[in-house]
Amino acid sequence: MITIYGKANCGFCTKAKTFAENRSLTYEYKDVGRAQNLLAELMDRAPVAVKSVPQIFIDQQYIGGYKELLQYVEDTGYTGTGHSL
């Protein structure tokens, strides 16, 4: 499953959610702007210093941002079922 950490009024966060929806990929959206504990969770989980959103994980793997999500799906054929095409 995809986990997208983002916040309101973030264009790339919206694009990441729309991309997942258009591909029928299961995702969970966590708004770090609404809950301080989610920001702390992201900071603990990310292997790099987080300076922007979205920050995206697939299963437990850190992917990066919106562009990295697109590249990952294209490169791996990720379908959201845990299997590649």
PDB file of N, CA and C in Angstrom:
ATOM      1  N   MET A   1       0.837  -1.183   0.000  1.00  0.00           N
ATOM      2  CA  MET A   1       0.000   0.000   0.000  1.00  0.00           C
ATOM      3  C   MET A   1       0.883   1.248   0.000  1.00  0.00           C
ATOM      4  N   ILE A   2       0.364   2.278  -0.598  1.00  0.00           N
ATOM      5  CA  ILE A   2       1.062   3.557  -0.683  1.00  0.00           C
ATOM      6  C   ILE A   2       0.641   4.428   0.494  1.00  0.00           C
ATOM      7  N   THR A   3       1.611   5.064   1.116  1.00  0.00           N
ATOM      8  CA  THR A   3       1.337   6.053   2.150  1.00  0.00           C
ATOM      9  C   THR A   3       1.879   7.386   1.650  1.00  0.00           C
ATOM     10  N   ILE A   4       0.995   8.377   1.605  1.00  0.00           N
ATOM     11  CA  ILE A   4       1.361   9.716   1.151  1.00  0.00           C
ATOM     12  C   ILE A   4       1.244  10.660   2.343  1.00  0.00           C
ATOM     13  N   TYR A   5       2.370  11.243   2.734  1.00  0.00           N
ATOM     14  CA  TYR A   5       2.361  12.290   3.758  1.00  0.00           C
ATOM     15  C   TYR A   5       2.312  13.618   3.014  1.00  0.00           C
ATOM     16  N   GLY A   6       1.327  14.446   3.329  1.00  0.00           N
ATOM     17  CA  GLY A   6       1.183  15.724   2.644  1.00  0.00           C
ATOM     18  C   GLY A   6       0.495  16.731   3.528  1.00  0.00           C
ATOM     19  N   LYS A   7       0.064  17.822   2.899  1.00  0.00           N
ATOM     20  CA  LYS A   7      -0.710  18.826   3.621  1.00  0.00           C
ATOM     21  C   LYS A   7      -1.585  19.579   2.641  1.00  0.00           C
ATOM     22  N   ALA A   8      -2.553  20.309   3.183  1.00  0.00           N
ATOM     23  CA  ALA A   8      -3.509  21.058   2.374  1.00  0.00           C
ATOM     24  C   ALA A   8      -2.789  22.083   1.505  1.00  0.00           C
ATOM     25  N   ASN A   9      -3.365  22.385   0.378  1.00  0.00           N
ATOM     26  CA  ASN A   9      -2.845  23.377  -0.555  1.00  0.00           C
ATOM     27  C   ASN A   9      -1.483  23.008  -1.129  1.00  0.00           C
ATOM     28  N   CYS A  10      -1.180  21.739  -1.180  1.00  0.00           N
ATOM     29  CA  CYS A  10       0.068  21.257  -1.769  1.00  0.00           C
ATOM     30  C   CYS A  10      -0.284  20.631  -3.120  1.00  0.00           C
ATOM     31  N   GLY A  11       0.133  21.284  -4.179  1.00  0.00           N
ATOM     32  CA  GLY A  11      -0.200  20.817  -5.519  1.00  0.00           C
ATOM     33  C   GLY A  11       0.332  19.434  -5.826  1.00  0.00           C
ATOM     34  N   PHE A  12       1.574  19.155  -5.428  1.00  0.00           N
ATOM     35  CA  PHE A  12       2.138  17.838  -5.713  1.00  0.00           C
ATOM     36  C   PHE A  12       1.510  16.755  -4.844  1.00  0.00           C
ATOM     37  N   CYS A  13       1.010  17.118  -3.670  1.00  0.00           N
ATOM     38  CA  CYS A  13       0.284  16.153  -2.833  1.00  0.00           C
ATOM     39  C   CYS A  13      -1.013  15.757  -3.541  1.00  0.00           C
ATOM     40  N   THR A  14      -1.709  16.744  -4.066  1.00  0.00           N
ATOM     41  CA  THR A  14      -2.943  16.479  -4.806  1.00  0.00           C
ATOM     42  C   THR A  14      -2.653  15.634  -6.039  1.00  0.00           C
ATOM     43  N   LYS A  15      -1.582  15.954  -6.754  1.00  0.00           N
ATOM     44  CA  LYS A  15      -1.212  15.175  -7.937  1.00  0.00           C
ATOM     45  C   LYS A  15      -0.898  13.724  -7.582  1.00  0.00           C
ATOM     46  N   ALA A  16      -0.218  13.511  -6.457  1.00  0.00           N
ATOM     47  CA  ALA A  16       0.115  12.145  -6.030  1.00  0.00           C
ATOM     48  C   ALA A  16      -1.156  11.361  -5.718  1.00  0.00           C
ATOM     49  N   LYS A  17      -2.100  11.979  -5.017  1.00  0.00           N
ATOM     50  CA  LYS A  17      -3.364  11.300  -4.701  1.00  0.00           C
ATOM     51  C   LYS A  17      -4.146  11.008  -5.975  1.00  0.00           C
ATOM     52  N   THR A  18      -4.208  11.971  -6.883  1.00  0.00           N
ATOM     53  CA  THR A  18      -4.931  11.789  -8.138  1.00  0.00           C
ATOM     54  C   THR A  18      -4.301  10.679  -8.980  1.00  0.00           C
ATOM     55  N   PHE A  19      -2.979  10.649  -9.038  1.00  0.00           N
ATOM     56  CA  PHE A  19      -2.271   9.596  -9.765  1.00  0.00           C
ATOM     57  C   PHE A  19      -2.642   8.230  -9.204  1.00  0.00           C
ATOM     58  N   ALA A  20      -2.606   8.090  -7.880  1.00  0.00           N
ATOM     59  CA  ALA A  20      -2.955   6.815  -7.246  1.00  0.00           C
ATOM     60  C   ALA A  20      -4.405   6.441  -7.555  1.00  0.00           C
ATOM     61  N   GLU A  21      -5.300   7.392  -7.468  1.00  0.00           N
ATOM     62  CA  GLU A  21      -6.713   7.128  -7.756  1.00  0.00           C
ATOM     63  C   GLU A  21      -6.921   6.723  -9.210  1.00  0.00           C
ATOM     64  N   ASN A  22      -6.271   7.426 -10.127  1.00  0.00           N
ATOM     65  CA  ASN A  22      -6.425   7.114 -11.554  1.00  0.00           C
ATOM     66  C   ASN A  22      -5.890   5.737 -11.916  1.00  0.00           C
ATOM     67  N   ARG A  23      -4.906   5.268 -11.155  1.00  0.00           N
ATOM     68  CA  ARG A  23      -4.322   3.936 -11.376  1.00  0.00           C
ATOM     69  C   ARG A  23      -4.974   2.868 -10.507  1.00  0.00           C
ATOM     70  N   SER A  24      -5.987   3.264  -9.741  1.00  0.00           N
ATOM     71  CA  SER A  24      -6.675   2.357  -8.806  1.00  0.00           C
ATOM     72  C   SER A  24      -5.710   1.738  -7.801  1.00  0.00           C
ATOM     73  N   LEU A  25      -4.763   2.553  -7.339  1.00  0.00           N
ATOM     74  CA  LEU A  25      -3.799   2.109  -6.348  1.00  0.00           C
ATOM     75  C   LEU A  25      -4.326   2.456  -4.956  1.00  0.00           C
ATOM     76  N   THR A  26      -4.255   1.526  -4.055  1.00  0.00           N
ATOM     77  CA  THR A  26      -4.690   1.764  -2.689  1.00  0.00           C
ATOM     78  C   THR A  26      -3.661   2.662  -2.002  1.00  0.00           C
ATOM     79  N   TYR A  27      -4.157   3.716  -1.361  1.00  0.00           N
ATOM     80  CA  TYR A  27      -3.240   4.605  -0.650  1.00  0.00           C
ATOM     81  C   TYR A  27      -3.891   5.131   0.614  1.00  0.00           C
ATOM     82  N   GLU A  28      -3.031   5.556   1.518  1.00  0.00           N
ATOM     83  CA  GLU A  28      -3.452   6.225   2.736  1.00  0.00           C
ATOM     84  C   GLU A  28      -2.824   7.607   2.717  1.00  0.00           C
ATOM     85  N   TYR A  29      -3.634   8.621   2.972  1.00  0.00           N
ATOM     86  CA  TYR A  29      -3.137   9.995   2.984  1.00  0.00           C
ATOM     87  C   TYR A  29      -3.056  10.465   4.426  1.00  0.00           C
ATOM     88  N   LYS A  30      -1.912  10.992   4.815  1.00  0.00           N
ATOM     89  CA  LYS A  30      -1.702  11.496   6.162  1.00  0.00           C
ATOM     90  C   LYS A  30      -1.351  12.976   6.078  1.00  0.00           C
ATOM     91  N   ASP A  31      -2.237  13.814   6.587  1.00  0.00           N
ATOM     92  CA  ASP A  31      -2.071  15.262   6.525  1.00  0.00           C
ATOM     93  C   ASP A  31      -1.216  15.735   7.699  1.00  0.00           C
ATOM     94  N   VAL A  32       0.055  16.004   7.421  1.00  0.00           N
ATOM     95  CA  VAL A  32       0.986  16.416   8.473  1.00  0.00           C
ATOM     96  C   VAL A  32       0.713  17.830   8.968  1.00  0.00           C
ATOM     97  N   GLY A  33      -0.072  18.590   8.223  1.00  0.00           N
ATOM     98  CA  GLY A  33      -0.420  19.941   8.642  1.00  0.00           C
ATOM     99  C   GLY A  33      -1.528  19.965   9.673  1.00  0.00           C
ATOM    100  N   ARG A  34      -2.265  18.881   9.798  1.00  0.00           N
ATOM    101  CA  ARG A  34      -3.394  18.822  10.727  1.00  0.00           C
ATOM    102  C   ARG A  34      -3.048  18.155  12.044  1.00  0.00           C
ATOM    103  N   ALA A  35      -2.022  17.325  12.037  1.00  0.00           N
ATOM    104  CA  ALA A  35      -1.702  16.580  13.259  1.00  0.00           C
ATOM    105  C   ALA A  35      -0.192  16.536  13.458  1.00  0.00           C
ATOM    106  N   GLN A  36       0.270  17.119  14.530  1.00  0.00           N
ATOM    107  CA  GLN A  36       1.693  17.180  14.831  1.00  0.00           C
ATOM    108  C   GLN A  36       2.298  15.785  14.960  1.00  0.00           C
ATOM    109  N   ASN A  37       1.521  14.836  15.459  1.00  0.00           N
ATOM    110  CA  ASN A  37       2.038  13.479  15.619  1.00  0.00           C
ATOM    111  C   ASN A  37       2.345  12.834  14.265  1.00  0.00           C
ATOM    112  N   LEU A  38       1.617  13.217  13.217  1.00  0.00           N
ATOM    113  CA  LEU A  38       1.893  12.672  11.883  1.00  0.00           C
ATOM    114  C   LEU A  38       3.190  13.239  11.318  1.00  0.00           C
ATOM    115  N   LEU A  39       3.467  14.490  11.618  1.00  0.00           N
ATOM    116  CA  LEU A  39       4.737  15.071  11.187  1.00  0.00           C
ATOM    117  C   LEU A  39       5.896  14.364  11.903  1.00  0.00           C
ATOM    118  N   ALA A  40       5.735  14.108  13.181  1.00  0.00           N
ATOM    119  CA  ALA A  40       6.767  13.397  13.944  1.00  0.00           C
ATOM    120  C   ALA A  40       6.936  11.974  13.404  1.00  0.00           C
ATOM    121  N   GLU A  41       5.830  11.335  13.071  1.00  0.00           N
ATOM    122  CA  GLU A  41       5.875   9.990  12.490  1.00  0.00           C
ATOM    123  C   GLU A  41       6.665   9.994  11.192  1.00  0.00           C
ATOM    124  N   LEU A  42       6.394  10.982  10.338  1.00  0.00           N
ATOM    125  CA  LEU A  42       7.108  11.100   9.068  1.00  0.00           C
ATOM    126  C   LEU A  42       8.600  11.312   9.306  1.00  0.00           C
ATOM    127  N   MET A  43       8.936  12.198  10.202  1.00  0.00           N
ATOM    128  CA  MET A  43      10.347  12.492  10.488  1.00  0.00           C
ATOM    129  C   MET A  43      11.081  11.248  10.987  1.00  0.00           C
ATOM    130  N   ASP A  44      10.402  10.453  11.795  1.00  0.00           N
ATOM    131  CA  ASP A  44      11.002   9.215  12.305  1.00  0.00           C
ATOM    132  C   ASP A  44      11.149   8.168  11.207  1.00  0.00           C
ATOM    133  N   ARG A  45      10.199   8.142  10.304  1.00  0.00           N
ATOM    134  CA  ARG A  45      10.143   7.097   9.274  1.00  0.00           C
ATOM    135  C   ARG A  45      11.056   7.371   8.082  1.00  0.00           C
ATOM    136  N   ALA A  46      11.196   8.627   7.700  1.00  0.00           N
ATOM    137  CA  ALA A  46      11.966   8.985   6.498  1.00  0.00           C
ATOM    138  C   ALA A  46      13.465   8.800   6.730  1.00  0.00           C
ATOM    139  N   PRO A  47      14.151   8.226   5.742  1.00  0.00           N
ATOM    140  CA  PRO A  47      15.594   8.029   5.874  1.00  0.00           C
ATOM    141  C   PRO A  47      16.411   9.279   5.531  1.00  0.00           C
ATOM    142  N   VAL A  48      15.734  10.336   5.143  1.00  0.00           N
ATOM    143  CA  VAL A  48      16.397  11.597   4.787  1.00  0.00           C
ATOM    144  C   VAL A  48      15.732  12.725   5.568  1.00  0.00           C
ATOM    145  N   ALA A  49      16.392  13.862   5.630  1.00  0.00           N
ATOM    146  CA  ALA A  49      15.793  15.035   6.265  1.00  0.00           C
ATOM    147  C   ALA A  49      14.627  15.513   5.401  1.00  0.00           C
ATOM    148  N   VAL A  50      13.462  15.614   5.994  1.00  0.00           N
ATOM    149  CA  VAL A  50      12.259  15.996   5.264  1.00  0.00           C
ATOM    150  C   VAL A  50      12.140  17.511   5.238  1.00  0.00           C
ATOM    151  N   LYS A  51      12.074  18.056   4.023  1.00  0.00           N
ATOM    152  CA  LYS A  51      11.969  19.504   3.878  1.00  0.00           C
ATOM    153  C   LYS A  51      10.740  19.914   3.078  1.00  0.00           C
ATOM    154  N   SER A  52      10.061  18.915   2.486  1.00  0.00           N
ATOM    155  CA  SER A  52       8.891  19.223   1.678  1.00  0.00           C
ATOM    156  C   SER A  52       7.951  18.023   1.658  1.00  0.00           C
ATOM    157  N   VAL A  53       6.772  18.251   1.165  1.00  0.00           N
ATOM    158  CA  VAL A  53       5.802  17.185   0.953  1.00  0.00           C
ATOM    159  C   VAL A  53       5.354  17.250  -0.504  1.00  0.00           C
ATOM    160  N   PRO A  54       4.881  16.164  -1.050  1.00  0.00           N
ATOM    161  CA  PRO A  54       4.608  14.896  -0.392  1.00  0.00           C
ATOM    162  C   PRO A  54       5.874  14.079  -0.160  1.00  0.00           C
ATOM    163  N   GLN A  55       5.778  13.218   0.833  1.00  0.00           N
ATOM    164  CA  GLN A  55       6.779  12.189   1.087  1.00  0.00           C
ATOM    165  C   GLN A  55       6.021  10.870   0.994  1.00  0.00           C
ATOM    166  N   ILE A  56       6.518   9.970   0.170  1.00  0.00           N
ATOM    167  CA  ILE A  56       5.742   8.792  -0.194  1.00  0.00           C
ATOM    168  C   ILE A  56       6.509   7.512   0.110  1.00  0.00           C
ATOM    169  N   PHE A  57       5.771   6.547   0.645  1.00  0.00           N
ATOM    170  CA  PHE A  57       6.284   5.213   0.936  1.00  0.00           C
ATOM    171  C   PHE A  57       5.392   4.200   0.232  1.00  0.00           C
ATOM    172  N   ILE A  58       5.989   3.139  -0.256  1.00  0.00           N
ATOM    173  CA  ILE A  58       5.216   2.012  -0.755  1.00  0.00           C
ATOM    174  C   ILE A  58       5.609   0.830   0.105  1.00  0.00           C
ATOM    175  N   ASP A  59       4.595   0.268   0.759  1.00  0.00           N
ATOM    176  CA  ASP A  59       4.802  -0.729   1.804  1.00  0.00           C
ATOM    177  C   ASP A  59       5.729  -0.075   2.823  1.00  0.00           C
ATOM    178  N   GLN A  60       6.870  -0.587   3.093  1.00  0.00           N
ATOM    179  CA  GLN A  60       7.763   0.055   4.059  1.00  0.00           C
ATOM    180  C   GLN A  60       8.924   0.780   3.377  1.00  0.00           C
ATOM    181  N   GLN A  61       8.917   0.809   2.049  1.00  0.00           N
ATOM    182  CA  GLN A  61      10.023   1.391   1.290  1.00  0.00           C
ATOM    183  C   GLN A  61       9.792   2.877   1.024  1.00  0.00           C
ATOM    184  N   TYR A  62      10.792   3.669   1.327  1.00  0.00           N
ATOM    185  CA  TYR A  62      10.733   5.100   1.048  1.00  0.00           C
ATOM    186  C   TYR A  62      10.917   5.312  -0.449  1.00  0.00           C
ATOM    187  N   ILE A  63      10.007   6.068  -1.055  1.00  0.00           N
ATOM    188  CA  ILE A  63      10.051   6.334  -2.494  1.00  0.00           C
ATOM    189  C   ILE A  63      10.574   7.739  -2.774  1.00  0.00           C
ATOM    190  N   GLY A  64      10.080   8.721  -2.036  1.00  0.00           N
ATOM    191  CA  GLY A  64      10.449  10.114  -2.264  1.00  0.00           C
ATOM    192  C   GLY A  64       9.205  10.941  -2.472  1.00  0.00           C
ATOM    193  N   GLY A  65       9.240  11.823  -3.468  1.00  0.00           N
ATOM    194  CA  GLY A  65       8.115  12.702  -3.753  1.00  0.00           C
ATOM    195  C   GLY A  65       7.276  12.235  -4.926  1.00  0.00           C
ATOM    196  N   TYR A  66       6.508  13.167  -5.468  1.00  0.00           N
ATOM    197  CA  TYR A  66       5.583  12.872  -6.567  1.00  0.00           C
ATOM    198  C   TYR A  66       6.289  12.302  -7.790  1.00  0.00           C
ATOM    199  N   LYS A  67       7.347  12.947  -8.239  1.00  0.00           N
ATOM    200  CA  LYS A  67       8.052  12.488  -9.440  1.00  0.00           C
ATOM    201  C   LYS A  67       8.649  11.104  -9.234  1.00  0.00           C
ATOM    202  N   GLU A  68       9.143  10.857  -8.039  1.00  0.00           N
ATOM    203  CA  GLU A  68       9.712   9.540  -7.736  1.00  0.00           C
ATOM    204  C   GLU A  68       8.632   8.461  -7.706  1.00  0.00           C
ATOM    205  N   LEU A  69       7.418   8.836  -7.275  1.00  0.00           N
ATOM    206  CA  LEU A  69       6.297   7.891  -7.312  1.00  0.00           C
ATOM    207  C   LEU A  69       5.992   7.487  -8.744  1.00  0.00           C
ATOM    208  N   LEU A  70       5.886   8.463  -9.630  1.00  0.00           N
ATOM    209  CA  LEU A  70       5.613   8.161 -11.037  1.00  0.00           C
ATOM    210  C   LEU A  70       6.698   7.266 -11.618  1.00  0.00           C
ATOM    211  N   GLN A  71       7.948   7.598 -11.339  1.00  0.00           N
ATOM    212  CA  GLN A  71       9.072   6.824 -11.859  1.00  0.00           C
ATOM    213  C   GLN A  71       9.057   5.400 -11.306  1.00  0.00           C
ATOM    214  N   TYR A  72       8.783   5.265 -10.021  1.00  0.00           N
ATOM    215  CA  TYR A  72       8.743   3.942  -9.393  1.00  0.00           C
ATOM    216  C   TYR A  72       7.673   3.066 -10.040  1.00  0.00           C
ATOM    217  N   VAL A  73       6.478   3.609 -10.206  1.00  0.00           N
ATOM    218  CA  VAL A  73       5.378   2.844 -10.804  1.00  0.00           C
ATOM    219  C   VAL A  73       5.716   2.461 -12.244  1.00  0.00           C
ATOM    220  N   GLU A  74       6.299   3.399 -12.985  1.00  0.00           N
ATOM    221  CA  GLU A  74       6.684   3.113 -14.368  1.00  0.00           C
ATOM    222  C   GLU A  74       7.772   2.043 -14.430  1.00  0.00           C
ATOM    223  N   ASP A  75       8.784   2.172 -13.597  1.00  0.00           N
ATOM    224  CA  ASP A  75       9.931   1.247 -13.623  1.00  0.00           C
ATOM    225  C   ASP A  75       9.578  -0.154 -13.154  1.00  0.00           C
ATOM    226  N   THR A  76       8.698  -0.245 -12.150  1.00  0.00           N
ATOM    227  CA  THR A  76       8.418  -1.554 -11.542  1.00  0.00           C
ATOM    228  C   THR A  76       7.119  -2.185 -12.010  1.00  0.00           C
ATOM    229  N   GLY A  77       6.242  -1.389 -12.613  1.00  0.00           N
ATOM    230  CA  GLY A  77       4.933  -1.908 -12.983  1.00  0.00           C
ATOM    231  C   GLY A  77       4.035  -2.117 -11.775  1.00  0.00           C
ATOM    232  N   TYR A  78       4.315  -1.392 -10.700  1.00  0.00           N
ATOM    233  CA  TYR A  78       3.563  -1.530  -9.460  1.00  0.00           C
ATOM    234  C   TYR A  78       2.077  -1.369  -9.720  1.00  0.00           C
ATOM    235  N   THR A  79       1.288  -2.317  -9.208  1.00  0.00           N
ATOM    236  CA  THR A  79      -0.163  -2.293  -9.419  1.00  0.00           C
ATOM    237  C   THR A  79      -0.943  -2.151  -8.128  1.00  0.00           C
ATOM    238  N   GLY A  80      -0.234  -2.111  -7.014  1.00  0.00           N
ATOM    239  CA  GLY A  80      -0.913  -1.978  -5.742  1.00  0.00           C
ATOM    240  C   GLY A  80      -1.321  -3.295  -5.146  1.00  0.00           C
ATOM    241  N   THR A  81      -1.038  -4.379  -5.824  1.00  0.00           N
ATOM    242  CA  THR A  81      -1.411  -5.697  -5.316  1.00  0.00           C
ATOM    243  C   THR A  81      -0.227  -6.410  -4.699  1.00  0.00           C
ATOM    244  N   GLY A  82       0.913  -5.730  -4.666  1.00  0.00           N
ATOM    245  CA  GLY A  82       2.114  -6.358  -4.147  1.00  0.00           C
ATOM    246  C   GLY A  82       2.878  -7.090  -5.221  1.00  0.00           C
ATOM    247  N   HIS A  83       2.393  -7.025  -6.462  1.00  0.00           N
ATOM    248  CA  HIS A  83       3.040  -7.708  -7.590  1.00  0.00           C
ATOM    249  C   HIS A  83       3.257  -6.698  -8.714  1.00  0.00           C
ATOM    250  N   SER A  84       4.286  -6.902  -9.459  1.00  0.00           N
ATOM    251  CA  SER A  84       4.522  -6.100 -10.655  1.00  0.00           C
ATOM    252  C   SER A  84       3.788  -6.723 -11.823  1.00  0.00           C
ATOM    253  N   LEU A  85       3.634  -5.959 -12.871  1.00  0.00           N
ATOM    254  CA  LEU A  85       2.988  -6.474 -14.087  1.00  0.00           C
ATOM    255  C   LEU A  85       3.902  -7.460 -14.798  1.00  0.00           C
TER     256      LEU A  85
END
